[in-house]
Amino acid sequence: MMHKIFSCACALLLAACAVKPAPPAPVAACPPPPVVAAPAPDGAVNELLAFQAGLRALPQAELGRALVELNRQDASAKATVRRAMLLAALRGAGDLGRAQALLDGVAQAAAPDEQRLKPLAQFLAAGYADARRQDEAADKLNQQVREAQRRNEQLNEKLEALKNIERTMSVRPAASVPK
């Protein structure tokens, strides 16, 4: 009996010494992303965005007339942005560069009415800069294609000249074989 008591006591002591698993640490919740308060849309910005959307539907001749009419108006920041949008829509030689220059002027202006158009001007200027880079890359590729076509035509001309030389060469009779 003593032996049973001793065995039970040892078992109890061993169970008491056993390491209990620690309770799981509370999972720290990820902090929510910072909330950036966007300014309420400005009426002028909304008007300019609507103007930009309407430009896509206009034919080139109508865009040109609208630009002439807009050039007669005042030089306000809103008119300058509209002028830049029209130039970019025309996509003539140098028009994107001029549109970018107009928008850079609006983006760097310090007047309060121009300050509210600054983000839009910066956004449009960046887009026009990308469009200019793409146009320049396309022009470069077109130039390479034209050069490759020119070289191809030159090689075809040389090949035809060689074929003509071959046709005009006299045919030599085959040597007779003695029997």
Protein backbone atom coordinates (compact mmCIF):
# COMPACT_ATOMS: atom_id res chain seq x y z
CA MET A 1 0.00 0.00 0.00
CA MET A 2 2.80 2.26 0.81
CA HIS A 3 4.11 1.57 -2.58
CA LYS A 4 0.86 2.73 -4.19
CA ILE A 5 0.82 5.93 -2.14
CA PHE A 6 4.39 6.63 -3.06
CA SER A 7 3.65 6.09 -6.76
CA CYS A 8 0.62 8.39 -6.63
CA ALA A 9 2.62 11.05 -4.79
CA CYS A 10 5.38 10.89 -7.42
CA ALA A 11 2.84 11.13 -10.19
CA LEU A 12 1.24 14.16 -8.56
CA LEU A 13 4.62 15.81 -8.07
CA LEU A 14 5.59 15.17 -11.66
CA ALA A 15 2.28 16.52 -12.89
CA ALA A 16 2.77 19.64 -10.77
CA CYS A 17 6.24 20.18 -12.22
CA ALA A 18 5.08 19.79 -15.77
CA VAL A 19 5.28 22.99 -17.82
CA LYS A 20 1.89 24.29 -18.60
CA PRO A 21 1.54 25.90 -22.00
CA ALA A 22 1.43 29.64 -21.78
CA PRO A 23 -1.85 31.20 -22.74
CA PRO A 24 -1.69 32.55 -26.29
CA ALA A 25 -0.54 36.12 -26.50
CA PRO A 26 -3.22 38.48 -27.65
CA VAL A 27 -2.89 39.19 -31.36
CA ALA A 28 -2.16 42.82 -31.93
CA ALA A 29 -4.57 44.21 -34.43
CA CYS A 30 -3.05 46.05 -37.38
CA PRO A 31 -3.63 49.73 -37.07
CA PRO A 32 -6.08 51.03 -39.62
CA PRO A 33 -4.54 52.89 -42.55
CA PRO A 34 -4.29 56.61 -42.05
CA VAL A 35 -7.26 58.46 -43.34
CA VAL A 36 -6.26 61.19 -45.73
CA ALA A 37 -8.88 63.82 -45.86
CA ALA A 38 -9.40 64.65 -49.51
CA PRO A 39 -10.63 68.13 -50.11
CA ALA A 40 -14.12 68.40 -51.38
CA PRO A 41 -14.19 68.59 -55.16
CA ASP A 42 -14.07 72.12 -56.39
CA GLY A 43 -16.69 73.31 -58.85
CA ALA A 44 -13.99 74.62 -61.18
CA VAL A 45 -12.15 71.30 -61.14
CA ASN A 46 -15.39 69.42 -61.86
CA GLU A 47 -16.15 71.81 -64.69
CA LEU A 48 -12.67 71.30 -66.17
CA LEU A 49 -12.96 67.53 -65.90
CA ALA A 50 -16.30 67.65 -67.71
CA PHE A 51 -14.69 69.87 -70.36
CA GLN A 52 -11.87 67.31 -70.79
CA ALA A 53 -14.37 64.48 -71.17
CA GLY A 54 -16.27 66.44 -73.83
CA LEU A 55 -13.12 67.03 -75.89
CA ARG A 56 -12.89 63.38 -76.85
CA ALA A 57 -16.08 63.57 -78.90
CA LEU A 58 -15.14 66.70 -80.87
CA PRO A 59 -13.65 66.49 -84.38
CA GLN A 60 -10.30 68.18 -85.09
CA ALA A 61 -11.87 71.16 -86.87
CA GLU A 62 -14.13 71.87 -83.91
CA LEU A 63 -11.16 71.62 -81.53
CA GLY A 64 -9.30 74.21 -83.60
CA ARG A 65 -12.26 76.61 -83.53
CA ALA A 66 -12.65 76.14 -79.77
CA LEU A 67 -8.96 76.96 -79.29
CA VAL A 68 -9.24 80.14 -81.36
CA GLU A 69 -12.28 81.20 -79.32
CA LEU A 70 -10.55 80.37 -76.04
CA ASN A 71 -7.45 82.37 -77.04
CA ARG A 72 -9.68 85.45 -77.23
CA GLN A 73 -10.74 85.03 -73.60
CA ASP A 74 -8.93 86.19 -70.49
CA ALA A 75 -5.80 84.53 -69.19
CA SER A 76 -7.34 83.11 -66.00
CA ALA A 77 -6.04 79.85 -64.60
CA LYS A 78 -9.19 78.03 -65.67
CA ALA A 79 -8.89 79.34 -69.24
CA THR A 80 -5.21 78.38 -69.29
CA VAL A 81 -6.01 74.82 -68.23
CA ARG A 82 -8.73 74.64 -70.89
CA ARG A 83 -6.27 75.94 -73.49
CA ALA A 84 -3.79 73.24 -72.46
CA MET A 85 -6.49 70.56 -72.70
CA LEU A 86 -7.41 71.74 -76.20
CA LEU A 87 -3.78 71.77 -77.33
CA ALA A 88 -3.29 68.26 -76.00
CA ALA A 89 -6.44 67.08 -77.79
CA LEU A 90 -5.24 68.59 -81.09
CA ARG A 91 -1.95 66.66 -80.88
CA GLY A 92 -0.25 68.75 -83.55
CA ALA A 93 3.49 69.25 -83.77
CA GLY A 94 4.63 70.76 -80.49
CA ASP A 95 1.11 71.02 -79.03
CA LEU A 96 1.81 68.70 -76.11
CA GLY A 97 4.91 70.71 -75.21
CA ARG A 98 2.96 73.97 -75.28
CA ALA A 99 0.17 72.38 -73.21
CA GLN A 100 2.74 71.23 -70.67
CA ALA A 101 4.27 74.72 -70.49
CA LEU A 102 0.84 76.26 -69.87
CA LEU A 103 0.11 73.77 -67.10
CA ASP A 104 3.52 74.31 -65.52
CA GLY A 105 2.66 78.00 -65.28
CA VAL A 106 -0.59 77.19 -63.49
CA ALA A 107 1.14 74.70 -61.17
CA GLN A 108 3.76 77.27 -60.13
CA ALA A 109 1.37 80.18 -59.68
CA ALA A 110 0.77 81.58 -56.21
CA ALA A 111 -2.67 83.15 -56.65
CA PRO A 112 -5.38 81.47 -54.52
CA ASP A 113 -7.68 80.72 -57.46
CA GLU A 114 -4.76 79.09 -59.26
CA GLN A 115 -3.69 77.12 -56.18
CA ARG A 116 -6.90 75.08 -56.20
CA LEU A 117 -6.17 74.05 -59.80
CA LYS A 118 -2.56 73.13 -59.03
CA PRO A 119 -3.17 69.37 -58.43
CA LEU A 120 -5.17 69.07 -61.65
CA ALA A 121 -2.51 70.99 -63.58
CA GLN A 122 0.25 68.76 -62.19
CA PHE A 123 -1.73 65.62 -63.01
CA LEU A 124 -2.42 66.73 -66.58
CA ALA A 125 1.17 67.89 -67.11
CA ALA A 126 2.46 64.48 -66.01
CA GLY A 127 0.05 62.75 -68.38
CA TYR A 128 1.08 65.01 -71.25
CA ALA A 129 4.75 64.34 -70.51
CA ASP A 130 4.06 60.61 -70.76
CA ALA A 131 2.18 61.14 -74.02
CA ARG A 132 5.12 63.14 -75.41
CA ARG A 133 7.56 60.36 -74.51
CA GLN A 134 5.30 57.81 -76.19
CA ASP A 135 4.97 59.97 -79.29
CA GLU A 136 8.75 60.40 -79.46
CA ALA A 137 9.26 56.65 -79.07
CA ALA A 138 6.70 55.97 -81.81
CA ASP A 139 8.40 58.50 -84.09
CA LYS A 140 11.75 56.84 -83.47
CA LEU A 141 10.32 53.40 -84.24
CA ASN A 142 8.65 54.70 -87.41
CA GLN A 143 11.98 56.18 -88.51
CA GLN A 144 13.66 52.82 -87.91
CA VAL A 145 10.96 51.06 -89.95
CA ARG A 146 11.37 53.52 -92.82
CA GLU A 147 15.15 53.02 -92.74
CA ALA A 148 14.74 49.23 -92.74
CA GLN A 149 12.33 49.46 -95.69
CA ARG A 150 14.81 51.66 -97.58
CA ARG A 151 17.63 49.16 -96.95
CA ASN A 152 15.34 46.33 -98.03
CA GLU A 153 14.55 48.12 -101.30
CA GLN A 154 18.26 48.71 -101.92
CA LEU A 155 19.03 45.03 -101.34
CA ASN A 156 16.20 44.00 -103.69
CA GLU A 157 17.61 46.31 -106.37
CA LYS A 158 21.07 44.77 -105.96
CA LEU A 159 19.59 41.28 -106.13
CA GLU A 160 17.73 42.13 -109.33
CA ALA A 161 20.93 43.58 -110.82
CA LEU A 162 22.79 40.36 -109.99
CA LYS A 163 20.00 38.30 -111.57
CA ASN A 164 20.23 40.41 -114.75
CA ILE A 165 24.00 39.90 -114.87
CA GLU A 166 23.52 36.18 -114.49
CA ARG A 167 20.94 36.08 -117.32
CA THR A 168 23.19 38.02 -119.69
CA MET A 169 26.23 35.86 -119.12
CA SER A 170 26.94 33.63 -122.12
CA VAL A 171 26.24 29.99 -121.55
CA ARG A 172 29.33 27.85 -122.17
CA PRO A 173 28.83 24.65 -124.11
CA ALA A 174 29.53 21.49 -122.20
CA ALA A 175 32.82 19.75 -123.04
CA SER A 176 32.34 16.68 -125.16
CA VAL A 177 33.24 13.41 -123.53
CA PRO A 178 35.32 10.92 -125.66
CA LYS A 179 33.83 7.51 -126.10
